[in-house]
């Protein structure tokens, strides 16, 4: 059978600023592009305020004018409300395109994925200007590193601007909103890639292929003294070539920030019991719906940066700037070593992943250590408002919380990677191809059909769907197993080979047991519905005929009635027992419509 391999990874959709200016002017709120100043609203206000998006548009024009041939600004996408998505690229001369930067370490710094958490935008502009001005040793960074800076990822959310979007955050005076114009949380969208913003970001990411992806946030939750959490991945899991580099980078950043008086931690400080500091914390290995869960599947480093919301805006921006400078210095010193490790991991993934067992989801174990967490004195008192316990913090009284930290993880779901790859039947080829293209996954189109091809199929025994929408979808989970069958493969089906560097992305996208697979996000919920039925009076008659002809079936049925009280009381279940054993039963019911094969069809 002929296969035509496709890979649409290219520079389509990235537009230089010279082609953008008219659109940028119409999308901004009216500020002139003629102001040559690179000083931001945040700086002018003493970091009590942050600028609107028209400031980013203006700076997108001004930076290339000021620093000719050392920085460019690109439009890499459009938002649902028609605003341009902008990326600044800074580096040495002739390294401002993906093709000319491919042998250099590239760092992608992302601000405003949650547009109310906007520290990364204003800190990033400070760092960008200092590097281009040659301040201290920062001017040398661009000699060997190319920096891609996206000041605001969630642009429409940024322009839902106001003073009330982050009630548990100290400044700026006004900021944007968490979700997009489609009310989607972009930091849940990396795998399902449903928003136009994420499709654009993935295209930018795959074009530049940054060795380090930096996602800047502001955390909320409890009140405590720690001012930043930095979660580097891979560190607990991921490919062995990069794991040690992730640990070393994490340790280096903890040491650097601690030496300047900060109080960093290397895990996201979510209390195990909401609002109960005594419950402690747990380390996590995040699924790929999140930025720092996704990027390690590509065999690259990522870091989630979370400054603490109860620190004022000036403190948070200064801290974020320090952290970005530290990351860029580490990249300058070690980036090429990271690249070598990443390329080795690509080779391992391509050559050795097929046929192995891989984890898809994790949880923390019961193992704990006592962690001296820097918190504040607190009381938990009954509330006449909520009827629950109310945690009252006293920030004037710092104290150490000696709390449990669950410091180990274990896999909860594993799967066998097929030796060949996955087959996507023609009925779903277009829908799935859009996702494969978004992730840069190579696939082939089956030009001629095959009949009765040996393969493995996944049949769901138990299915659970979400009780309420999640990111505009009804999620699904299933218990079942892959079983051998022979099935037809129509022409125009897709074959997704495992032998490629992005194989782990493909596995997480296409295996139904993965927590962020297309199945888990409800893209195939139609296959969970029963579409054909048989009347009760018909199956009643058929069942009697079956019992009369098959003593073994009669014994099985009577045994189930005797041993399973719920089954015995459920008339519909008793009839379905027989219906499933007739030729009238729909053999595609709960059949997952993507298959595993041991070799290319």
Protein backbone atom coordinates (compact mmCIF):
# COMPACT_ATOMS: atom_id res chain seq x y z
CA UNK A 1 0.00 0.00 0.00
CA UNK A 2 1.32 3.44 -0.90
CA UNK A 3 1.94 5.95 1.88
CA UNK A 4 2.44 9.66 1.36
CA UNK A 5 4.24 11.21 4.35
CA UNK A 6 3.16 14.64 5.46
CA UNK A 7 4.70 17.16 7.81
CA UNK A 8 3.43 20.69 7.60
CA UNK A 9 5.92 22.28 10.00
CA UNK A 10 6.97 25.51 8.32
CA UNK A 11 7.07 29.27 8.81
CA UNK A 12 3.55 29.86 7.58
CA UNK A 13 1.76 32.36 9.78
CA UNK A 14 4.76 34.34 11.06
CA UNK A 15 4.70 37.87 9.68
CA UNK A 16 7.47 40.49 10.02
CA UNK A 17 6.48 43.75 11.64
CA UNK A 18 6.79 45.61 8.33
CA UNK A 19 3.68 43.81 7.11
CA UNK A 20 1.89 44.31 10.41
CA UNK A 21 1.81 48.02 11.14
CA UNK A 22 -1.56 48.86 9.58
CA UNK A 23 -3.22 45.93 11.32
CA UNK A 24 -1.48 46.77 14.60
CA UNK A 25 -2.76 50.33 14.51
CA UNK A 26 -6.33 49.19 13.96
CA UNK A 27 -6.09 46.62 16.77
CA UNK A 28 -4.64 49.01 19.34
CA UNK A 29 -6.67 51.38 21.48
CA UNK A 30 -5.26 54.50 19.82
CA UNK A 31 -1.76 55.17 21.19
CA UNK A 32 0.56 56.59 18.54
CA UNK A 33 3.26 54.35 17.16
CA UNK A 34 5.51 57.39 16.78
CA UNK A 35 6.70 57.63 20.40
CA UNK A 36 10.34 56.44 20.36
CA UNK A 37 10.53 55.80 24.11
CA UNK A 38 11.09 52.24 25.28
CA UNK A 39 10.01 53.09 28.82
CA UNK A 40 6.86 51.22 29.80
CA UNK A 41 3.81 52.32 31.75
CA UNK A 42 4.99 50.00 34.54
CA UNK A 43 8.28 51.87 34.86
CA UNK A 44 6.68 55.30 34.64
CA UNK A 45 4.25 54.41 37.43
CA UNK A 46 6.86 52.93 39.74
CA UNK A 47 5.40 49.48 38.98
CA UNK A 48 1.95 50.24 40.32
CA UNK A 49 0.37 49.94 36.87
CA UNK A 50 0.85 47.93 33.69
CA UNK A 51 0.24 49.09 30.13
CA UNK A 52 -2.52 48.13 27.73
CA UNK A 53 -1.76 46.00 24.69
CA UNK A 54 -1.26 49.04 22.47
CA UNK A 55 1.99 49.51 24.38
CA UNK A 56 3.20 46.11 23.16
CA UNK A 57 2.22 47.07 19.62
CA UNK A 58 4.12 50.36 19.89
CA UNK A 59 7.23 48.66 21.27
CA UNK A 60 6.98 46.07 18.52
CA UNK A 61 7.72 48.93 16.14
CA UNK A 62 10.21 50.84 18.29
CA UNK A 63 12.58 48.05 19.30
CA UNK A 64 13.65 47.15 15.73
CA UNK A 65 14.15 50.87 14.96
CA UNK A 66 16.35 51.34 18.01
CA UNK A 67 18.32 48.09 17.71
CA UNK A 68 18.67 47.52 13.99
CA UNK A 69 19.50 43.92 13.02
CA UNK A 70 19.55 42.75 16.64
CA UNK A 71 15.83 42.47 17.33
CA UNK A 72 12.76 41.86 15.23
CA UNK A 73 9.09 41.71 16.00
CA UNK A 74 6.75 39.21 14.37
CA UNK A 75 3.04 38.70 14.22
CA UNK A 76 2.61 34.95 14.69
CA UNK A 77 -1.17 34.76 14.91
CA UNK A 78 -4.48 36.53 15.38
CA UNK A 79 -6.84 36.31 18.32
CA UNK A 80 -10.58 35.62 18.05
CA UNK A 81 -11.20 39.35 18.54
CA UNK A 82 -8.79 40.25 15.75
CA UNK A 83 -5.74 41.40 17.71
CA UNK A 84 -2.23 40.54 16.52
CA UNK A 85 -0.18 38.10 18.58
CA UNK A 86 3.35 39.49 18.77
CA UNK A 87 6.75 37.97 19.45
CA UNK A 88 10.07 39.82 19.85
CA UNK A 89 13.20 37.97 18.72
CA UNK A 90 16.60 39.19 19.96
CA UNK A 91 20.02 37.80 19.17
CA UNK A 92 23.24 38.38 17.31
CA UNK A 93 23.13 39.69 13.76
CA UNK A 94 21.75 37.14 11.29
CA UNK A 95 20.27 34.90 14.00
CA UNK A 96 16.75 36.33 14.04
CA UNK A 97 15.11 33.65 11.89
CA UNK A 98 14.51 30.02 12.88
CA UNK A 99 16.75 28.75 10.07
CA UNK A 100 19.71 30.92 11.12
CA UNK A 101 19.26 30.20 14.83
CA UNK A 102 18.84 26.44 14.58
CA UNK A 103 22.35 25.68 15.89
CA UNK A 104 22.02 28.11 18.82
CA UNK A 105 20.26 27.69 22.16
CA UNK A 106 16.87 29.42 21.89
CA UNK A 107 14.92 30.51 24.96
CA UNK A 108 11.22 31.31 24.60
CA UNK A 109 9.89 33.53 27.40
CA UNK A 110 6.12 33.73 27.59
CA UNK A 111 4.10 36.30 29.52
CA UNK A 112 0.41 36.65 30.15
CA UNK A 113 -0.94 33.19 29.38
CA UNK A 114 -3.20 34.17 32.30
CA UNK A 115 -3.46 37.85 31.49
CA UNK A 116 -4.10 39.00 35.05
CA UNK A 117 -0.76 37.43 36.00
CA UNK A 118 1.27 39.86 33.95
CA UNK A 119 4.65 40.07 35.75
CA UNK A 120 6.45 38.38 32.85
CA UNK A 121 5.46 41.06 30.35
CA UNK A 122 6.94 44.01 32.23
CA UNK A 123 9.95 42.04 33.53
CA UNK A 124 10.63 40.70 30.05
CA UNK A 125 10.80 44.17 28.54
CA UNK A 126 13.33 45.20 31.21
CA UNK A 127 15.53 42.21 30.40
CA UNK A 128 15.17 42.65 26.65
CA UNK A 129 16.27 46.28 26.81
CA UNK A 130 19.18 45.54 29.15
CA UNK A 131 20.47 42.78 26.87
CA UNK A 132 20.27 44.99 23.79
CA UNK A 133 21.87 47.94 25.62
CA UNK A 134 24.71 45.68 26.78
CA UNK A 135 24.09 46.31 30.48
CA UNK A 136 26.74 44.47 32.54
CA UNK A 137 27.24 40.93 31.30
CA UNK A 138 23.74 40.83 29.79
CA UNK A 139 24.99 42.16 26.46
CA UNK A 140 27.03 38.99 25.98
CA UNK A 141 24.00 36.71 26.28
CA UNK A 142 22.80 37.50 22.78
CA UNK A 143 26.20 36.61 21.33
CA UNK A 144 25.37 32.94 21.90
CA UNK A 145 21.65 32.74 22.74
CA UNK A 146 18.57 33.78 20.76
CA UNK A 147 15.63 34.96 22.88
CA UNK A 148 12.04 34.79 21.70
CA UNK A 149 9.83 36.94 23.92
CA UNK A 150 6.02 36.83 23.81
CA UNK A 151 4.93 39.63 26.16
CA UNK A 152 1.26 38.60 26.17
CA UNK A 153 0.00 35.20 25.03
CA UNK A 154 -3.65 35.72 26.00
CA UNK A 155 -4.10 39.04 24.21
CA UNK A 156 -7.91 39.23 24.27
CA UNK A 157 -7.89 38.37 27.97
CA UNK A 158 -5.31 41.11 28.53
CA UNK A 159 -7.67 43.67 27.03
CA UNK A 160 -10.50 42.58 29.32
CA UNK A 161 -8.80 45.11 31.53
CA UNK A 162 -9.95 46.21 34.96
CA UNK A 163 -9.25 46.55 38.70
CA UNK A 164 -11.26 43.52 39.85
CA UNK A 165 -9.81 40.57 37.94
CA UNK A 166 -7.45 39.27 40.64
CA UNK A 167 -8.95 39.87 44.12
CA UNK A 168 -6.22 37.84 45.82
CA UNK A 169 -3.31 39.65 44.16
CA UNK A 170 -1.47 42.83 45.19
CA UNK A 171 -1.20 44.96 42.03
CA UNK A 172 -1.00 46.15 39.43
CA UNK A 173 -3.92 48.57 39.80
CA UNK A 174 -5.59 47.12 36.71
CA UNK A 175 -4.84 43.99 34.70
CA UNK A 176 -6.39 41.54 32.29
CA UNK A 177 -8.52 38.43 32.75
CA UNK A 178 -7.51 34.80 33.14
CA UNK A 179 -9.24 33.27 30.12
CA UNK A 180 -9.55 34.07 26.42
CA UNK A 181 -12.44 35.63 24.51
CA UNK A 182 -13.70 32.06 24.04
CA UNK A 183 -13.46 31.66 27.84
CA UNK A 184 -10.74 29.03 27.49
CA UNK A 185 -7.78 28.65 29.84
CA UNK A 186 -4.76 28.50 27.56
CA UNK A 187 -2.75 26.64 30.19
CA UNK A 188 -5.09 23.70 29.77
CA UNK A 189 -4.90 23.69 25.97
CA UNK A 190 -1.41 22.56 25.00
CA UNK A 191 -2.46 19.05 23.97
CA UNK A 192 -6.00 19.52 22.67
CA UNK A 193 -4.91 22.75 20.90
CA UNK A 194 -8.46 23.98 20.52
CA UNK A 195 -7.92 27.73 20.71
CA UNK A 196 -6.52 29.70 17.74
CA UNK A 197 -4.07 31.26 20.19
CA UNK A 198 -2.63 27.85 21.09
CA UNK A 199 -2.40 26.73 17.48
CA UNK A 200 -0.39 29.90 16.80
CA UNK A 201 1.83 29.37 19.85
CA UNK A 202 2.56 25.75 18.94
CA UNK A 203 3.51 26.85 15.44
CA UNK A 204 5.86 29.48 16.91
CA UNK A 205 7.29 26.94 19.34
CA UNK A 206 7.94 24.27 16.75
CA UNK A 207 9.44 26.75 14.28
CA UNK A 208 11.96 28.06 16.83
CA UNK A 209 12.33 24.83 18.83
CA UNK A 210 13.49 26.52 22.07
CA UNK A 211 15.68 24.41 24.29
CA UNK A 212 14.11 26.23 27.27
CA UNK A 213 10.47 27.33 27.46
CA UNK A 214 9.72 29.79 30.28
CA UNK A 215 6.08 30.29 31.31
CA UNK A 216 5.59 33.17 33.78
CA UNK A 217 2.65 33.24 36.21
CA UNK A 218 1.51 34.58 39.58
CA UNK A 219 0.28 31.98 42.03
CA UNK A 220 -2.46 32.44 44.62
CA UNK A 221 -3.61 30.22 47.46
CA UNK A 222 -2.36 30.47 51.03
CA UNK A 223 -0.48 33.41 52.53
CA UNK A 224 3.20 32.65 53.14
CA UNK A 225 6.68 34.14 52.95
CA UNK A 226 8.03 32.25 49.94
CA UNK A 227 8.06 34.68 47.04
CA UNK A 228 8.47 32.37 44.04
CA UNK A 229 8.10 28.75 43.01
CA UNK A 230 10.11 27.43 40.07
CA UNK A 231 9.12 24.04 38.69
CA UNK A 232 11.67 22.82 36.14
CA UNK A 233 10.78 19.90 33.89
CA UNK A 234 11.88 17.26 33.23
CA UNK A 235 13.18 16.66 36.72
CA UNK A 236 11.05 13.90 38.22
CA UNK A 237 10.30 12.12 34.93
CA UNK A 238 11.08 12.59 31.27
CA UNK A 239 14.00 11.30 29.25
CA UNK A 240 17.12 10.37 31.15
CA UNK A 241 19.30 12.54 28.89
CA UNK A 242 17.55 15.70 30.13
CA UNK A 243 16.50 14.77 33.67
CA UNK A 244 19.84 15.58 35.30
CA UNK A 245 20.04 18.86 33.41
CA UNK A 246 16.58 19.73 34.73
CA UNK A 247 17.67 18.98 38.30
CA UNK A 248 20.86 20.99 37.90
CA UNK A 249 19.02 23.97 36.43
CA UNK A 250 16.50 23.88 39.28
CA UNK A 251 19.24 23.75 41.90
CA UNK A 252 21.18 26.55 40.23
CA UNK A 253 18.15 28.83 40.21
CA UNK A 254 17.27 28.05 43.82
CA UNK A 255 20.83 28.89 44.84
CA UNK A 256 21.01 32.07 42.75
CA UNK A 257 17.71 33.45 44.04
CA UNK A 258 18.41 32.48 47.63
CA UNK A 259 21.77 34.26 47.49
CA UNK A 260 20.01 37.56 46.73
CA UNK A 261 17.56 37.25 49.61
CA UNK A 262 14.63 35.53 47.92
CA UNK A 263 12.75 32.52 49.28
CA UNK A 264 12.28 30.18 46.30
CA UNK A 265 10.82 26.69 46.36
CA UNK A 266 10.96 24.06 43.64
CA UNK A 267 7.35 22.82 43.74
CA UNK A 268 4.00 24.46 43.16
CA UNK A 269 2.62 25.23 46.65
CA UNK A 270 -0.90 23.83 46.41
CA UNK A 271 -2.18 22.68 49.79
CA UNK A 272 -3.28 19.06 49.78
CA UNK A 273 -6.43 20.11 51.63
CA UNK A 274 -7.89 23.41 50.51
CA UNK A 275 -7.25 26.18 53.03
CA UNK A 276 -5.57 23.87 55.54
CA UNK A 277 -1.83 24.67 55.90
CA UNK A 278 -1.27 21.68 58.18
CA UNK A 279 -2.12 19.30 55.34
CA UNK A 280 1.17 20.06 53.59
CA UNK A 281 2.13 19.79 49.94
CA UNK A 282 3.02 17.30 47.26
CA UNK A 283 5.39 17.38 44.31
CA UNK A 284 3.72 16.80 40.98
CA UNK A 285 4.58 15.69 37.48
CA UNK A 286 2.12 17.70 35.44
CA UNK A 287 0.19 16.33 32.44
CA UNK A 288 0.77 17.91 29.03
CA UNK A 289 -2.26 20.20 29.12
CA UNK A 290 0.19 22.50 30.95
CA UNK A 291 3.17 24.22 29.33
CA UNK A 292 5.79 22.53 31.51
CA UNK A 293 4.06 19.16 31.13
CA UNK A 294 3.90 19.46 27.34
CA UNK A 295 7.34 20.66 26.39
CA UNK A 296 9.29 17.76 27.97
CA UNK A 297 7.37 15.38 25.67
CA UNK A 298 9.34 17.15 22.90
CA UNK A 299 12.57 16.37 24.80
CA UNK A 300 13.13 19.99 25.77
CA UNK A 301 13.39 21.86 29.09
CA UNK A 302 10.55 23.95 30.48
CA UNK A 303 9.99 25.96 33.64
CA UNK A 304 6.84 27.15 35.35
CA UNK A 305 7.53 30.42 37.19
CA UNK A 306 5.03 31.46 39.87
CA UNK A 307 5.67 34.61 41.86
CA UNK A 308 3.49 34.93 44.95
CA UNK A 309 0.35 37.04 44.58
CA UNK A 310 0.59 38.66 48.04
CA UNK A 311 3.88 40.36 47.16
CA UNK A 312 3.39 43.79 45.60
CA UNK A 313 3.75 44.27 41.86
CA UNK A 314 7.11 46.06 42.01
CA UNK A 315 8.57 43.22 44.09
CA UNK A 316 7.18 40.58 41.75
CA UNK A 317 8.43 42.25 38.56
CA UNK A 318 11.92 42.75 40.06
CA UNK A 319 11.97 39.10 41.12
CA UNK A 320 10.81 37.88 37.71
CA UNK A 321 13.50 39.99 36.06
CA UNK A 322 16.17 38.44 38.31
CA UNK A 323 14.92 34.98 37.54
CA UNK A 324 14.90 35.56 33.77
CA UNK A 325 18.43 36.95 33.92
CA UNK A 326 19.54 33.90 35.89
CA UNK A 327 17.93 31.53 33.39
CA UNK A 328 19.57 33.31 30.47
CA UNK A 329 22.97 33.19 32.16
CA UNK A 330 22.55 29.46 32.74
CA UNK A 331 21.56 29.03 29.09
CA UNK A 332 24.62 30.98 27.96
CA UNK A 333 26.85 28.68 29.99
CA UNK A 334 25.11 25.35 29.40
CA UNK A 335 22.69 25.77 26.51
CA UNK A 336 24.78 23.89 23.97
CA UNK A 337 25.18 20.99 26.37
CA UNK A 338 21.39 20.99 26.79
CA UNK A 339 20.99 20.96 23.01
CA UNK A 340 23.28 17.94 22.70
CA UNK A 341 21.26 16.12 25.37
CA UNK A 342 17.98 17.05 23.69
CA UNK A 343 19.14 15.76 20.32
CA UNK A 344 20.32 12.54 21.95
CA UNK A 345 16.87 12.21 23.55
CA UNK A 346 15.29 12.75 20.12
CA UNK A 347 17.38 9.89 18.79
CA UNK A 348 16.46 7.63 21.70
CA UNK A 349 12.77 8.42 21.23
CA UNK A 350 12.97 7.73 17.49
CA UNK A 351 14.97 4.52 17.71
CA UNK A 352 14.02 2.87 21.01
CA UNK A 353 10.52 3.86 22.11
CA UNK A 354 8.63 1.37 19.93
CA UNK A 355 7.33 -1.62 21.85
CA UNK A 356 8.19 -0.26 25.30
CA UNK A 357 5.92 0.39 28.26
CA UNK A 358 5.61 4.08 29.11
CA UNK A 359 3.80 5.97 31.90
CA UNK A 360 0.91 8.25 30.97
CA UNK A 361 -0.18 9.61 34.36
CA UNK A 362 1.29 9.92 37.85
CA UNK A 363 0.31 10.50 41.45
CA UNK A 364 2.22 11.22 44.63
CA UNK A 365 3.01 8.32 46.95
CA UNK A 366 2.44 8.20 50.70
CA UNK A 367 6.12 8.82 51.34
CA UNK A 368 6.69 12.17 53.05
CA UNK A 369 9.46 14.30 54.45
CA UNK A 370 8.98 17.15 56.90
CA UNK A 371 9.38 20.43 55.05
CA UNK A 372 10.16 23.71 56.89
CA UNK A 373 7.77 25.92 54.94
CA UNK A 374 8.05 29.69 55.53
CA UNK A 375 4.49 30.69 56.42
CA UNK A 376 2.66 33.02 58.78
CA UNK A 377 0.86 32.40 62.04
CA UNK A 378 -2.72 31.38 61.43
CA UNK A 379 -5.87 30.18 63.13
CA UNK A 380 -8.62 27.97 61.80
CA UNK A 381 -11.91 29.03 63.35
CA UNK A 382 -15.55 28.13 62.67
CA UNK A 383 -17.19 30.57 60.26
CA UNK A 384 -20.75 31.75 60.75
CA UNK A 385 -20.71 32.77 57.07
CA UNK A 386 -19.74 29.52 55.36
CA UNK A 387 -20.30 27.03 58.14
CA UNK A 388 -16.76 25.75 57.45
CA UNK A 389 -13.42 26.38 59.07
CA UNK A 390 -11.98 29.79 58.20
CA UNK A 391 -8.20 30.23 57.99
CA UNK A 392 -7.12 33.61 59.41
CA UNK A 393 -3.50 34.55 58.62
CA UNK A 394 -1.39 37.05 60.55
CA UNK A 395 1.29 38.37 58.14
CA UNK A 396 2.93 40.29 61.00
CA UNK A 397 4.01 36.98 62.58
CA UNK A 398 6.19 34.84 60.28
CA UNK A 399 6.60 31.27 61.42
CA UNK A 400 7.85 27.94 60.13
CA UNK A 401 5.22 25.40 59.18
CA UNK A 402 6.82 21.96 59.60
CA UNK A 403 4.46 20.19 57.25
CA UNK A 404 4.50 16.95 55.27
CA UNK A 405 5.82 17.14 51.74
CA UNK A 406 4.93 14.14 49.58
CA UNK A 407 8.18 13.98 47.64
CA UNK A 408 7.79 10.87 45.49
CA UNK A 409 5.64 10.08 42.46
CA UNK A 410 4.56 6.83 40.87
CA UNK A 411 2.82 6.03 37.58
CA UNK A 412 -0.91 5.37 37.78
CA UNK A 413 -1.46 4.61 34.08
CA UNK A 414 0.95 2.97 31.66
CA UNK A 415 0.62 1.79 28.09
CA UNK A 416 2.59 -0.20 25.56
CA UNK A 417 3.85 1.87 22.66
CA UNK A 418 3.02 0.10 19.38
CA UNK A 419 5.98 -1.08 17.34
CA UNK A 420 4.57 0.47 14.19
CA UNK A 421 2.26 3.31 15.10
CA UNK A 422 -1.37 4.35 15.02
CA UNK A 423 -4.00 4.13 12.30
CA UNK A 424 -6.63 6.86 12.13
CA UNK A 425 -9.57 5.71 9.96
CA UNK A 426 -10.57 7.94 7.07
CA UNK A 427 -13.71 9.16 8.87
CA UNK A 428 -11.51 10.98 11.40
CA UNK A 429 -8.53 11.74 9.18
CA UNK A 430 -9.24 15.45 8.71
CA UNK A 431 -10.08 16.13 12.36
CA UNK A 432 -7.03 14.30 13.69
CA UNK A 433 -4.71 15.64 10.97
CA UNK A 434 -5.42 19.17 12.22
CA UNK A 435 -4.12 18.17 15.66
CA UNK A 436 -1.12 16.31 14.27
CA UNK A 437 -0.21 19.36 12.20
CA UNK A 438 -0.55 21.63 15.23
CA UNK A 439 1.91 19.47 17.15
CA UNK A 440 4.34 18.97 14.25
CA UNK A 441 3.78 15.20 14.27
CA UNK A 442 4.70 13.42 11.05
CA UNK A 443 2.08 11.13 9.52
CA UNK A 444 1.30 9.38 6.24
CA UNK A 445 -1.87 9.19 4.24
CA UNK A 446 -2.91 5.67 3.20
CA UNK A 447 -3.53 5.86 -0.53
CA UNK A 448 -5.03 2.40 -1.00
CA UNK A 449 -7.24 0.59 1.48
CA UNK A 450 -6.47 -2.70 3.19
CA UNK A 451 -8.89 -5.38 4.33
CA UNK A 452 -8.64 -7.35 7.56
CA UNK A 453 -5.39 -5.77 8.70
CA UNK A 454 -4.03 -7.27 11.96
CA UNK A 455 -4.00 -4.61 14.69
CA UNK A 456 -4.93 -3.81 18.28
CA UNK A 457 -8.14 -1.99 19.17
CA UNK A 458 -9.25 -0.44 22.45
CA UNK A 459 -12.71 -1.39 23.71
CA UNK A 460 -14.05 0.48 26.72
CA UNK A 461 -15.70 -1.62 29.43
CA UNK A 462 -16.55 1.27 31.77
CA UNK A 463 -16.94 4.90 30.77
CA UNK A 464 -17.21 8.03 32.90
CA UNK A 465 -18.01 11.43 31.45
CA UNK A 466 -17.67 14.79 33.15
CA UNK A 467 -20.70 16.01 35.07
CA UNK A 468 -20.11 19.59 33.93
CA UNK A 469 -18.17 21.29 31.11
CA UNK A 470 -14.41 21.52 31.36
CA UNK A 471 -12.76 23.94 28.93
CA UNK A 472 -15.96 23.88 26.85
CA UNK A 473 -15.83 20.08 26.57
CA UNK A 474 -17.38 17.06 28.22
CA UNK A 475 -14.41 15.01 29.29
CA UNK A 476 -14.34 11.22 29.23
CA UNK A 477 -12.37 8.44 30.87
CA UNK A 478 -12.58 4.74 30.21
CA UNK A 479 -11.48 1.44 31.62
CA UNK A 480 -10.71 -1.13 29.00
CA UNK A 481 -7.87 -2.83 27.20
CA UNK A 482 -6.17 -3.12 23.87
CA UNK A 483 -7.05 -6.42 22.18
CA UNK A 484 -5.95 -7.98 18.88
CA UNK A 485 -8.41 -7.84 15.98
CA UNK A 486 -8.39 -7.67 12.20
CA UNK A 487 -10.08 -4.57 10.77
CA UNK A 488 -10.38 -2.84 7.44
CA UNK A 489 -8.33 0.29 6.80
CA UNK A 490 -10.08 2.50 4.23
CA UNK A 491 -8.16 4.58 1.71
CA UNK A 492 -7.39 8.11 2.97
CA UNK A 493 -6.83 6.82 6.51
CA UNK A 494 -3.76 8.12 8.34
CA UNK A 495 -0.76 6.24 9.65
CA UNK A 496 1.19 7.90 12.48
CA UNK A 497 4.61 6.22 12.83
CA UNK A 498 6.22 5.82 16.21
CA UNK A 499 9.72 6.23 14.82
CA UNK A 500 9.93 10.00 15.13
CA UNK A 501 11.19 12.43 17.76
CA UNK A 502 7.63 13.51 18.63
CA UNK A 503 6.49 9.98 19.39
CA UNK A 504 5.66 10.72 23.03
CA UNK A 505 3.46 13.63 21.97
CA UNK A 506 1.69 11.25 19.58
CA UNK A 507 1.19 8.64 22.32
CA UNK A 508 -0.29 11.19 24.74
CA UNK A 509 -2.53 12.54 21.99
CA UNK A 510 -3.80 9.21 20.61
CA UNK A 511 -3.81 6.68 23.45
CA UNK A 512 -7.28 6.92 25.07
CA UNK A 513 -5.90 6.23 28.54
CA UNK A 514 -3.70 9.35 28.51
CA UNK A 515 -5.18 12.15 30.65
CA UNK A 516 -4.94 14.75 27.86
CA UNK A 517 -5.65 12.55 24.85
CA UNK A 518 -8.23 13.53 22.26
CA UNK A 519 -10.43 10.82 23.77
CA UNK A 520 -10.08 12.24 27.29
CA UNK A 521 -11.10 15.69 26.06
CA UNK A 522 -14.28 14.30 24.52
CA UNK A 523 -13.40 14.39 20.81
CA UNK A 524 -14.80 10.87 20.34
CA UNK A 525 -17.77 10.89 22.72
CA UNK A 526 -20.08 9.88 19.90
CA UNK A 527 -18.54 6.41 20.07
CA UNK A 528 -19.65 6.10 23.69
CA UNK A 529 -23.32 6.34 22.70
CA UNK A 530 -25.49 3.39 21.79
CA UNK A 531 -27.24 4.15 18.48
CA UNK A 532 -29.18 0.97 17.70
CA UNK A 533 -31.60 -0.90 19.96
CA UNK A 534 -33.81 -3.94 20.16
CA UNK A 535 -37.29 -3.99 21.64
CA UNK A 536 -37.70 -5.82 24.95
CA UNK A 537 -40.34 -8.18 23.64
CA UNK A 538 -38.05 -9.17 20.77
CA UNK A 539 -34.99 -9.91 22.90
CA UNK A 540 -37.21 -11.74 25.44
CA UNK A 541 -38.08 -14.24 22.73
CA UNK A 542 -34.52 -14.46 21.39
CA UNK A 543 -33.15 -15.01 24.90
CA UNK A 544 -35.37 -18.01 25.44
CA UNK A 545 -34.19 -19.53 22.19
CA UNK A 546 -30.57 -18.95 23.15
CA UNK A 547 -31.03 -20.57 26.56
CA UNK A 548 -32.66 -23.60 24.99
CA UNK A 549 -29.82 -24.09 22.53
CA UNK A 550 -26.81 -23.31 24.73
CA UNK A 551 -26.52 -25.01 28.15
CA UNK A 552 -23.25 -23.21 28.89
CA UNK A 553 -24.88 -19.83 28.32
CA UNK A 554 -27.79 -20.89 30.53
CA UNK A 555 -25.38 -21.82 33.31
CA UNK A 556 -23.49 -18.51 32.95
CA UNK A 557 -26.71 -16.48 33.08
CA UNK A 558 -28.13 -18.31 36.09
CA UNK A 559 -24.80 -18.02 37.92
CA UNK A 560 -24.69 -14.27 37.36
CA UNK A 561 -28.26 -13.87 38.60
CA UNK A 562 -27.41 -15.85 41.73
CA UNK A 563 -24.11 -14.07 42.49
CA UNK A 564 -24.79 -10.47 41.41
CA UNK A 565 -27.70 -8.91 43.30
CA UNK A 566 -27.59 -5.66 41.33
CA UNK A 567 -27.69 -7.55 38.05
CA UNK A 568 -30.51 -9.74 39.31
CA UNK A 569 -32.66 -6.66 40.07
CA UNK A 570 -31.88 -4.85 36.80
CA UNK A 571 -34.18 -6.05 34.05
CA UNK A 572 -32.51 -3.98 31.35
CA UNK A 573 -29.09 -5.40 32.27
CA UNK A 574 -30.46 -8.93 32.14
CA UNK A 575 -31.81 -8.40 28.64
CA UNK A 576 -28.58 -6.70 27.52
CA UNK A 577 -26.70 -9.82 28.67
CA UNK A 578 -28.36 -11.64 25.78
CA UNK A 579 -28.44 -8.74 23.31
CA UNK A 580 -24.64 -8.44 23.47
CA UNK A 581 -24.35 -12.10 22.49
CA UNK A 582 -26.49 -11.78 19.36
CA UNK A 583 -25.32 -10.80 15.87
CA UNK A 584 -27.54 -7.71 16.16
CA UNK A 585 -25.33 -6.03 18.76
CA UNK A 586 -23.34 -3.03 17.38
CA UNK A 587 -19.74 -4.28 17.40
CA UNK A 588 -18.49 -0.68 17.20
CA UNK A 589 -20.18 0.38 20.44
CA UNK A 590 -17.46 1.82 22.71
CA UNK A 591 -14.81 0.95 20.16
CA UNK A 592 -12.17 3.68 20.16
CA UNK A 593 -11.75 4.75 16.53
CA UNK A 594 -7.95 4.87 16.47
CA UNK A 595 -5.96 1.64 16.25
CA UNK A 596 -2.46 0.39 17.04
CA UNK A 597 -0.40 -1.52 14.48
CA UNK A 598 2.95 -3.28 14.66
CA UNK A 599 4.03 -2.15 11.21
CA UNK A 600 3.03 0.39 8.60
CA UNK A 601 -0.10 -0.61 6.69
